[in-house]
Amino acid sequence: MLLWLLLIPLGIGRYLMLQQRRRRLAASYGSLGFVRGAGGRQPGLRRHIPPALFLVGLTILVFALARPQTVVSLPRSEGTVILAFDVSGSMAADDMQPTRMEAAKTAAQDFVGRQPPSVQIGVVAFSDNGFSVQAPTTEREAILAAINRLTPQRGTSLANGILVSLNTIAVNAGQAPLLSSELAPTLAPTPTPVLPGTYTSAAIVLLTDGENTVSPDPLAAAQIAADRGVRIHTVGIGSAAGATLNIEGFAVHTQLDEAMLQQISQLTDGAYYNASNEQDLRAIYENINPQWVIKPETMEVTSIFAGVSILVLLIGGALSLLWFSRLP
């Protein structure tokens, strides 16, 4: 579209040729008064103003047709939520119908559907280790597809799930990830609480039955989250009575460990929810506080250029009608 700018010099040349022709006519027929303005006065330089404005307006309009873009810093309400899924073998238990894993997926899908577009959601899966399944994004279809791919696997390490979630939050914020060595083997007897009002807009929603079978200590990982102002909301998947699974020929009894999940949520100033209580699950977002951030975004400014060009063309036309009773 910018190639149309090559016509501008041609337009200028054409205008200069017409002015030369006008001057020749003025020299030949000036005595007849054909080229005088109102009141018998010569228009002078004023005659060039409307055509110049038309030329400028057309030039700006060509730039508008090229769809220019610029980087604009815009304020918006933004938050980050990491859905950390327990995909250990115990999540195949059927004390929640049809299984704990499917109940966790249903709870998470409902949660995703209730979030505003400005909240980024990531997905982390953990068993005896943890890994990021979906980086934080506002694309709801990608989030739901990542959730649907999850299947039960091996043992349970709540600490690894928390650590990978913190790493995902850090990387998304452009910060260095944590190291596994930062997980203390034991938790200090009296951890230093995070002062009220210092929490960021990031949060972790931990969906698990709470049975920790693999080190390190999940409370040590929760303390790291608390030190960084990241709250962990725990969602208990399963029942207190539990269920018995047949794993590789062994009968293994598994049940919901609410006490562990409540300790993790309390340590990080989060909240504990039971997946069997739909009303409780809907309250998770009330404890997630998005914050106003300034972010540079690439924005198309075609409308601005088009608006300015139309304004300049209207001014040129109005002046030409006012001064000469015609359009240039």
Protein backbone atom coordinates (compact mmCIF):
# COMPACT_ATOMS: atom_id res chain seq x y z
CA MET A 1 0.00 0.00 0.00
CA LEU A 2 2.92 2.36 0.64
CA LEU A 3 3.80 2.15 -3.05
CA TRP A 4 0.83 4.45 -3.64
CA LEU A 5 2.99 7.20 -2.11
CA LEU A 6 4.84 7.26 -5.45
CA LEU A 7 1.79 9.02 -6.90
CA ILE A 8 2.25 11.95 -4.52
CA PRO A 9 5.26 13.42 -6.42
CA LEU A 10 3.27 12.98 -9.63
CA GLY A 11 0.42 14.93 -8.10
CA ILE A 12 2.81 17.69 -7.03
CA GLY A 13 4.26 17.83 -10.54
CA ARG A 14 0.80 18.02 -12.07
CA TYR A 15 -0.16 20.83 -9.71
CA LEU A 16 3.01 22.81 -10.59
CA MET A 17 2.25 22.39 -14.30
CA LEU A 18 -1.26 23.76 -13.77
CA GLN A 19 0.18 26.72 -11.87
CA GLN A 20 2.58 27.48 -14.71
CA ARG A 21 -0.32 27.33 -17.15
CA ARG A 22 -2.32 29.65 -14.91
CA ARG A 23 0.52 32.14 -14.80
CA ARG A 24 0.79 32.10 -18.62
CA LEU A 25 -2.94 32.72 -18.88
CA ALA A 26 -2.67 35.49 -16.33
CA ALA A 27 0.07 37.14 -18.34
CA SER A 28 -2.02 36.92 -21.53
CA TYR A 29 -5.46 37.81 -20.15
CA GLY A 30 -4.70 39.55 -16.89
CA SER A 31 -6.09 42.78 -18.22
CA LEU A 32 -9.50 41.16 -18.48
CA GLY A 33 -9.56 40.36 -14.74
CA PHE A 34 -10.26 36.65 -15.19
CA VAL A 35 -7.71 35.61 -12.58
CA ARG A 36 -8.51 38.07 -9.84
CA GLY A 37 -10.15 37.06 -6.59
CA ALA A 38 -13.06 38.68 -4.85
CA GLY A 39 -12.77 42.44 -4.69
CA GLY A 40 -10.25 42.41 -7.52
CA ARG A 41 -7.41 41.24 -5.30
CA GLN A 42 -4.98 38.46 -6.22
CA PRO A 43 -5.37 35.36 -3.94
CA GLY A 44 -1.57 35.10 -3.53
CA LEU A 45 -0.16 32.22 -1.49
CA ARG A 46 -3.58 31.52 -0.02
CA ARG A 47 -4.56 29.69 -3.22
CA HIS A 48 -1.98 26.98 -2.42
CA ILE A 49 -3.22 26.19 1.10
CA PRO A 50 -6.30 24.03 0.21
CA PRO A 51 -4.42 21.92 -2.38
CA ALA A 52 -1.56 21.47 0.08
CA LEU A 53 -4.00 20.27 2.75
CA PHE A 54 -5.56 17.84 0.26
CA LEU A 55 -2.12 16.52 -0.58
CA VAL A 56 -1.24 16.04 3.10
CA GLY A 57 -4.60 14.39 3.77
CA LEU A 58 -4.15 11.93 0.91
CA THR A 59 -0.61 11.11 2.09
CA ILE A 60 -1.85 10.33 5.61
CA LEU A 61 -4.68 8.24 4.14
CA VAL A 62 -2.18 6.10 2.21
CA PHE A 63 -0.32 5.46 5.47
CA ALA A 64 -3.64 4.44 7.04
CA LEU A 65 -4.28 1.94 4.22
CA ALA A 66 -0.89 0.35 5.03
CA ARG A 67 -2.31 -0.55 8.52
CA PRO A 68 0.47 0.94 10.67
CA GLN A 69 1.18 -0.49 14.12
CA THR A 70 2.83 0.87 17.23
CA VAL A 71 3.69 -0.35 20.73
CA VAL A 72 1.39 1.16 23.36
CA SER A 73 1.67 0.70 27.14
CA LEU A 74 -1.82 -0.15 28.36
CA PRO A 75 -3.08 -0.73 31.92
CA ARG A 76 -5.13 -3.85 32.54
CA SER A 77 -6.27 -6.08 35.38
CA GLU A 78 -4.22 -9.24 35.27
CA GLY A 79 -3.75 -12.38 37.36
CA THR A 80 -2.01 -15.74 37.03
CA VAL A 81 -3.45 -19.01 38.29
CA ILE A 82 -1.64 -22.36 38.11
CA LEU A 83 -3.84 -25.45 38.21
CA ALA A 84 -1.56 -28.10 39.75
CA PHE A 85 -3.00 -31.60 39.17
CA ASP A 86 -2.11 -34.66 41.17
CA VAL A 87 -1.72 -37.42 38.54
CA SER A 88 -0.50 -40.11 40.92
CA GLY A 89 -1.89 -43.63 40.83
CA SER A 90 -4.20 -42.94 43.78
CA MET A 91 -6.17 -40.49 41.61
CA ALA A 92 -7.63 -43.52 39.81
CA ALA A 93 -9.64 -44.38 42.97
CA ASP A 94 -13.41 -44.42 42.51
CA ASP A 95 -14.54 -42.97 45.85
CA MET A 96 -15.54 -39.94 43.72
CA GLN A 97 -17.51 -40.76 40.60
CA PRO A 98 -16.38 -41.83 38.12
CA THR A 99 -12.82 -41.45 39.51
CA ARG A 100 -10.87 -38.87 41.50
CA MET A 101 -9.04 -37.80 38.36
CA GLU A 102 -12.24 -37.19 36.42
CA ALA A 103 -13.72 -35.31 39.38
CA ALA A 104 -10.61 -33.11 39.50
CA LYS A 105 -10.90 -32.42 35.77
CA THR A 106 -14.56 -31.47 36.13
CA ALA A 107 -13.78 -29.10 39.00
CA ALA A 108 -10.93 -27.51 37.06
CA GLN A 109 -12.95 -27.12 33.86
CA ASP A 110 -15.70 -25.37 35.79
CA PHE A 111 -13.11 -23.12 37.40
CA VAL A 112 -11.56 -22.20 34.03
CA GLY A 113 -14.96 -21.34 32.58
CA ARG A 114 -15.65 -18.85 35.36
CA GLN A 115 -12.46 -16.80 35.04
CA PRO A 116 -12.38 -13.37 33.36
CA PRO A 117 -10.41 -13.10 30.09
CA SER A 118 -7.59 -11.13 31.76
CA VAL A 119 -6.59 -14.04 34.05
CA GLN A 120 -3.85 -16.27 32.67
CA ILE A 121 -4.17 -19.95 33.59
CA GLY A 122 -1.41 -22.55 33.44
CA VAL A 123 -1.53 -26.31 34.02
CA VAL A 124 1.03 -28.35 35.99
CA ALA A 125 0.93 -32.12 36.55
CA PHE A 126 2.80 -33.92 39.31
CA SER A 127 3.21 -37.46 40.56
CA ASP A 128 6.66 -38.45 41.93
CA ASN A 129 7.98 -35.45 39.98
CA GLY A 130 6.37 -32.42 38.37
CA PHE A 131 6.23 -30.87 34.93
CA SER A 132 4.48 -27.98 33.23
CA VAL A 133 1.74 -29.13 30.83
CA GLN A 134 0.51 -25.71 29.69
CA ALA A 135 2.25 -22.35 30.17
CA PRO A 136 -0.01 -19.59 31.55
CA THR A 137 -2.29 -18.33 28.81
CA THR A 138 -5.67 -16.72 28.26
CA GLU A 139 -6.52 -19.25 25.51
CA ARG A 140 -9.24 -21.27 27.23
CA GLU A 141 -9.35 -24.00 24.57
CA ALA A 142 -5.63 -24.74 25.04
CA ILE A 143 -6.09 -24.91 28.83
CA LEU A 144 -9.04 -27.31 28.62
CA ALA A 145 -7.20 -29.50 26.09
CA ALA A 146 -4.22 -29.74 28.49
CA ILE A 147 -6.52 -30.75 31.34
CA ASN A 148 -8.20 -33.46 29.25
CA ARG A 149 -4.81 -35.05 28.42
CA LEU A 150 -3.99 -35.82 32.07
CA THR A 151 -3.97 -39.46 33.22
CA PRO A 152 -2.97 -41.15 36.51
CA GLN A 153 0.67 -42.28 36.77
CA ARG A 154 2.92 -43.08 39.74
CA GLY A 155 3.58 -41.81 43.32
CA THR A 156 2.77 -38.41 44.83
CA SER A 157 5.14 -35.54 45.59
CA LEU A 158 3.16 -32.47 46.60
CA ALA A 159 6.40 -30.51 46.98
CA ASN A 160 7.38 -31.09 43.35
CA GLY A 161 3.94 -29.96 42.22
CA ILE A 162 4.30 -26.73 44.22
CA LEU A 163 7.88 -26.14 43.06
CA VAL A 164 7.08 -26.60 39.36
CA SER A 165 4.09 -24.28 39.78
CA LEU A 166 6.33 -21.61 41.33
CA ASN A 167 8.83 -22.06 38.50
CA THR A 168 6.04 -21.63 35.94
CA ILE A 169 4.92 -18.41 37.64
CA ALA A 170 8.50 -17.11 37.79
CA VAL A 171 9.23 -17.85 34.13
CA ASN A 172 5.93 -16.28 33.07
CA ALA A 173 6.91 -13.12 34.98
CA GLY A 174 10.33 -13.05 33.31
CA GLN A 175 12.21 -14.10 36.45
CA ALA A 176 14.73 -16.85 37.14
CA PRO A 177 13.18 -20.21 38.15
CA LEU A 178 13.74 -21.75 41.57
CA LEU A 179 16.24 -24.53 42.16
CA SER A 180 15.26 -27.87 43.67
CA SER A 181 17.97 -27.33 46.31
CA GLU A 182 15.91 -24.45 47.70
CA LEU A 183 13.48 -26.95 49.16
CA ALA A 184 14.49 -27.32 52.79
CA PRO A 185 14.27 -30.90 54.12
CA THR A 186 12.28 -29.73 57.13
CA LEU A 187 10.10 -26.76 57.91
CA ALA A 188 11.17 -24.19 60.50
CA PRO A 189 9.06 -24.46 63.68
CA THR A 190 7.79 -20.87 63.41
CA PRO A 191 7.87 -19.73 59.76
CA THR A 192 7.90 -15.99 59.14
CA PRO A 193 4.45 -15.03 57.81
CA VAL A 194 4.02 -12.83 54.76
CA LEU A 195 2.69 -9.41 55.75
CA PRO A 196 -0.91 -8.65 54.73
CA GLY A 197 -1.17 -6.76 51.45
CA THR A 198 2.08 -8.13 50.01
CA TYR A 199 0.53 -10.97 48.04
CA THR A 200 0.90 -10.82 44.27
CA SER A 201 -1.80 -11.60 41.74
CA ALA A 202 -0.42 -15.14 41.28
CA ALA A 203 -1.98 -18.16 42.96
CA ILE A 204 -1.79 -21.94 42.81
CA VAL A 205 -4.85 -24.20 42.88
CA LEU A 206 -3.63 -27.62 44.05
CA LEU A 207 -6.04 -30.42 43.11
CA THR A 208 -5.01 -33.58 44.95
CA ASP A 209 -6.00 -36.25 47.45
CA GLY A 210 -3.18 -34.95 49.65
CA GLU A 211 -1.43 -38.30 50.20
CA ASN A 212 2.27 -37.45 49.97
CA THR A 213 4.48 -40.52 49.32
CA VAL A 214 7.65 -38.96 47.89
CA SER A 215 10.07 -36.44 49.44
CA PRO A 216 10.79 -33.55 49.87
CA ASP A 217 8.56 -32.08 52.56
CA PRO A 218 5.49 -30.39 51.00
CA LEU A 219 5.31 -27.91 53.88
CA ALA A 220 8.84 -26.72 53.05
CA ALA A 221 7.71 -26.09 49.48
CA ALA A 222 4.62 -24.30 50.75
CA GLN A 223 6.85 -22.05 52.88
CA ILE A 224 8.81 -21.04 49.76
CA ALA A 225 5.51 -20.09 48.11
CA ALA A 226 4.49 -18.12 51.20
CA ASP A 227 7.83 -16.26 51.24
CA ARG A 228 7.15 -15.16 47.66
CA GLY A 229 3.61 -14.05 48.37
CA VAL A 230 2.02 -16.83 46.30
CA ARG A 231 -1.05 -18.31 47.90
CA ILE A 232 -1.94 -21.98 47.48
CA HIS A 233 -5.62 -22.91 47.42
CA THR A 234 -5.94 -26.65 47.98
CA VAL A 235 -8.82 -28.72 46.60
CA GLY A 236 -9.34 -32.09 48.28
CA ILE A 237 -10.17 -34.85 45.79
CA GLY A 238 -11.48 -38.02 47.44
CA SER A 239 -13.28 -39.10 50.60
CA ALA A 240 -12.20 -39.57 54.20
CA ALA A 241 -13.22 -43.24 53.99
CA GLY A 242 -11.05 -43.73 50.92
CA ALA A 243 -10.96 -46.59 48.45
CA THR A 244 -8.85 -49.68 47.76
CA LEU A 245 -6.87 -49.92 44.53
CA ASN A 246 -5.29 -52.96 42.92
CA ILE A 247 -1.82 -51.80 41.82
CA GLU A 248 0.48 -54.41 40.25
CA GLY A 249 -1.21 -57.20 42.19
CA PHE A 250 -1.20 -55.36 45.53
CA ALA A 251 -4.29 -54.02 47.31
CA VAL A 252 -3.51 -50.41 48.30
CA HIS A 253 -5.89 -48.35 50.41
CA THR A 254 -5.93 -44.61 49.69
CA GLN A 255 -7.88 -41.81 51.34
CA LEU A 256 -8.10 -38.03 51.36
CA ASP A 257 -5.51 -36.35 53.62
CA GLU A 258 -7.38 -33.16 54.48
CA ALA A 259 -5.02 -32.28 57.34
CA MET A 260 -2.02 -31.93 55.01
CA LEU A 261 -3.96 -29.84 52.50
CA GLN A 262 -5.30 -27.56 55.22
CA GLN A 263 -1.77 -26.99 56.55
CA ILE A 264 -0.51 -26.05 53.07
CA SER A 265 -3.35 -23.59 52.47
CA GLN A 266 -3.06 -22.05 55.94
CA LEU A 267 0.70 -21.62 55.62
CA THR A 268 0.31 -19.63 52.39
CA ASP A 269 -2.82 -17.72 53.47
CA GLY A 270 -4.85 -19.69 50.95
CA ALA A 271 -8.03 -21.67 51.50
CA TYR A 272 -8.97 -25.33 51.53
CA TYR A 273 -11.93 -26.58 49.48
CA ASN A 274 -13.52 -29.99 49.15
CA ALA A 275 -14.27 -31.03 45.59
CA SER A 276 -17.55 -32.61 46.68
CA ASN A 277 -18.83 -29.15 47.66
CA GLU A 278 -19.57 -27.27 44.42
CA GLN A 279 -20.42 -24.05 46.27
CA ASP A 280 -17.00 -24.03 47.94
CA LEU A 281 -15.23 -24.51 44.62
CA ARG A 282 -17.00 -21.51 43.13
CA ALA A 283 -15.54 -19.35 45.91
CA ILE A 284 -11.92 -19.98 44.84
CA TYR A 285 -11.80 -16.97 42.55
CA GLU A 286 -12.94 -14.65 45.34
CA ASN A 287 -9.59 -15.28 47.00
CA ILE A 288 -7.57 -14.45 43.86
CA ASN A 289 -6.88 -10.73 43.52
CA PRO A 290 -5.90 -9.60 40.01
CA GLN A 291 -3.71 -6.48 39.98
CA TRP A 292 -3.40 -3.55 37.59
CA VAL A 293 -0.27 -3.84 35.45
CA ILE A 294 1.17 -1.77 32.61
CA LYS A 295 2.10 -3.90 29.63
CA PRO A 296 3.39 -2.88 26.18
CA GLU A 297 1.16 -4.19 23.41
CA THR A 298 1.38 -3.91 19.65
CA MET A 299 -1.70 -2.08 18.43
CA GLU A 300 -2.90 -1.20 14.95
CA VAL A 301 -3.44 2.58 14.64
CA THR A 302 -5.16 2.65 11.25
CA SER A 303 -8.20 4.42 12.66
CA ILE A 304 -6.07 7.25 14.05
CA PHE A 305 -4.36 7.87 10.70
CA ALA A 306 -7.66 7.61 8.84
CA GLY A 307 -9.34 10.04 11.22
CA VAL A 308 -6.53 12.60 10.88
CA SER A 309 -6.55 12.31 7.08
CA ILE A 310 -10.32 12.89 6.90
CA LEU A 311 -9.99 15.90 9.22
CA VAL A 312 -7.24 17.44 7.06
CA LEU A 313 -9.25 16.83 3.86
CA LEU A 314 -12.34 18.45 5.40
CA ILE A 315 -10.34 21.51 6.47
CA GLY A 316 -8.85 21.83 2.98
CA GLY A 317 -12.27 21.55 1.37
CA ALA A 318 -13.85 24.05 3.79
CA LEU A 319 -11.12 26.65 3.19
CA SER A 320 -11.38 26.23 -0.58
CA LEU A 321 -15.18 26.74 -0.47
CA LEU A 322 -14.84 29.68 1.91
CA TRP A 323 -12.16 31.49 -0.07
CA PHE A 324 -12.83 30.48 -3.68
CA SER A 325 -16.34 28.94 -3.63
CA ARG A 326 -14.98 25.73 -5.16
CA LEU A 327 -13.03 22.61 -4.24
CA PRO A 328 -9.33 22.52 -5.11
